[in-house]
Protein backbone atom coordinates (compact mmCIF):
# COMPACT_ATOMS: atom_id res chain seq x y z
CA MET A 1 3.90 -11.92 -4.43
CA ARG A 2 6.03 -9.86 -2.15
CA ALA A 3 7.20 -6.19 -2.19
CA VAL A 4 10.94 -5.35 -1.53
CA HIS A 5 12.50 -1.95 -0.85
CA GLU A 6 15.55 -2.07 -3.58
CA LYS A 7 17.52 0.45 -1.55
CA THR A 8 17.78 -1.29 1.56
CA GLY A 9 16.81 -5.12 0.47
CA LYS A 10 14.11 -4.77 3.26
CA VAL A 11 10.64 -6.75 2.66
CA LEU A 12 7.78 -4.74 2.96
CA ALA A 13 5.43 -7.40 2.54
CA GLU A 14 6.14 -11.14 2.39
CA GLU A 15 2.74 -12.07 1.34
CA LEU A 16 1.05 -9.56 -1.18
CA GLU A 17 -2.48 -9.85 -2.32
CA VAL A 18 -2.75 -8.41 -5.96
CA GLU A 19 -5.99 -6.76 -6.70
CA ARG A 20 -6.65 -6.02 -10.58
CA SER A 21 -10.19 -6.62 -10.98
CA PHE A 22 -12.70 -3.71 -10.26
CA LEU A 23 -14.31 -5.29 -7.69
CA GLY A 24 -11.03 -6.22 -5.92
CA ARG A 25 -9.76 -2.94 -6.09
CA THR A 26 -13.09 -1.48 -4.89
CA ALA A 27 -13.57 -3.78 -1.86
CA GLY A 28 -9.39 -3.92 -1.11
CA LEU A 29 -9.26 -4.60 2.79
CA MET A 30 -12.83 -3.20 3.75
CA PHE A 31 -14.36 -5.37 6.17
CA ARG A 32 -11.69 -7.44 7.29
CA ARG A 33 -10.84 -7.66 10.86
CA ARG A 34 -6.74 -6.91 10.69
CA LEU A 35 -3.86 -7.22 8.15
CA ASP A 36 -1.35 -9.51 9.78
CA PRO A 37 2.57 -8.39 10.05
CA GLY A 38 4.15 -9.01 6.64
CA HIS A 39 1.08 -9.18 4.59
CA GLY A 40 -0.23 -6.29 2.31
CA MET A 41 -2.15 -5.63 -0.78
CA TRP A 42 -1.05 -4.12 -4.06
CA ILE A 43 -4.24 -2.15 -5.76
CA ASN A 44 -3.33 -1.81 -9.44
CA PRO A 45 -4.17 0.61 -11.12
CA CYS A 46 -4.91 2.93 -8.05
CA ASN A 47 -4.32 6.33 -7.50
CA GLY A 48 -6.47 7.35 -4.34
CA ILE A 49 -8.09 5.17 -1.49
CA HIS A 50 -10.56 5.71 1.45
CA MET A 51 -10.89 4.16 4.89
CA MET A 52 -14.72 3.67 4.75
CA PHE A 53 -15.75 0.32 6.27
CA MET A 54 -12.01 -0.32 7.50
CA ASN A 55 -11.71 -1.69 11.07
CA PHE A 56 -7.77 -0.64 11.26
CA ALA A 57 -5.35 1.82 10.17
CA ILE A 58 -2.65 1.17 7.34
CA ASP A 59 0.41 2.52 5.61
CA ALA A 60 -0.27 3.21 2.28
CA VAL A 61 2.65 3.62 -0.08
CA PHE A 62 1.51 5.23 -3.60
CA LEU A 63 4.06 4.05 -6.78
CA ASP A 64 4.24 5.36 -9.94
CA ARG A 65 4.31 3.13 -13.21
CA LYS A 66 7.77 2.09 -12.59
CA GLU A 67 7.09 1.09 -9.15
CA ARG A 68 8.77 4.02 -7.52
CA VAL A 69 7.59 5.67 -4.64
CA LYS A 70 5.39 8.97 -4.98
CA LYS A 71 4.35 9.55 -1.40
CA VAL A 72 3.86 7.43 1.81
CA TYR A 73 0.89 7.79 4.01
CA ARG A 74 1.64 6.59 7.72
CA LYS A 75 -1.04 5.21 9.74
CA LEU A 76 -4.17 6.25 7.83
CA PRO A 77 -7.01 6.00 10.45
CA ALA A 78 -9.81 3.58 9.94
CA TRP A 79 -13.22 4.93 8.98
CA TRP A 80 -12.25 8.71 8.20
CA GLY A 81 -8.48 8.47 6.64
CA VAL A 82 -8.64 9.38 2.63
CA VAL A 83 -6.38 10.05 -0.07
CA TRP A 84 -8.39 11.63 -2.80
CA ILE A 85 -5.96 11.83 -5.58
CA GLU A 86 -1.99 11.24 -5.45
CA TRP A 87 -1.19 12.79 -8.53
CA GLY A 88 1.45 10.42 -10.51
CA ALA A 89 0.82 7.53 -8.85
CA HIS A 90 -0.41 4.33 -10.80
CA SER A 91 -0.62 1.60 -7.89
CA VAL A 92 -0.95 1.35 -3.82
CA LEU A 93 0.49 -0.99 -1.42
CA GLU A 94 -1.54 -1.11 1.78
CA LEU A 95 0.66 -2.31 4.39
CA PRO A 96 0.33 -2.80 8.27
CA ALA A 97 0.07 0.36 10.15
CA GLY A 98 3.65 1.28 11.19
CA SER A 99 5.47 -1.08 8.85
CA THR A 100 7.15 1.75 6.75
CA ALA A 101 8.46 3.54 9.72
CA ALA A 102 11.85 1.98 10.09
CA LEU A 103 12.40 1.93 6.19
CA GLY A 104 12.68 5.75 5.57
CA LEU A 105 11.04 5.62 2.22
CA GLN A 106 11.51 8.54 0.06
CA PRO A 107 10.09 9.72 -3.36
CA GLY A 108 11.68 7.84 -5.92
CA ASP A 109 12.81 4.77 -4.23
CA GLU A 110 12.25 1.84 -6.09
CA ILE A 111 9.77 -1.05 -4.67
CA SER A 112 10.45 -4.37 -6.44
CA ILE A 113 6.99 -6.54 -6.75
CA VAL A 114 8.26 -10.18 -7.29
CA SER A 115 6.71 -13.44 -7.26
């Protein structure tokens, strides 16, 4: 799977892991050493995340049910970053820190999740 910003055609993640099980959503990227450029994780459903047991910062893009951007959190710090609840969000893309900076993602932008 991959994630593409519809407005620009730019790829957010060329290789996207999809976590839909309760255990997979709960563990997410915890305990991993890194998240390589071009990789990411789509946690669905999800409207809040924490960075406990994370060894690296991430960018988090919260999406509504139609995969439209609700909010972008850039460089959430390892261990103490948290998003308790992003109202209206249904899923989140977790991406390498800094990977969304040049895209100019705005609320309402559409993200295509395709295989």
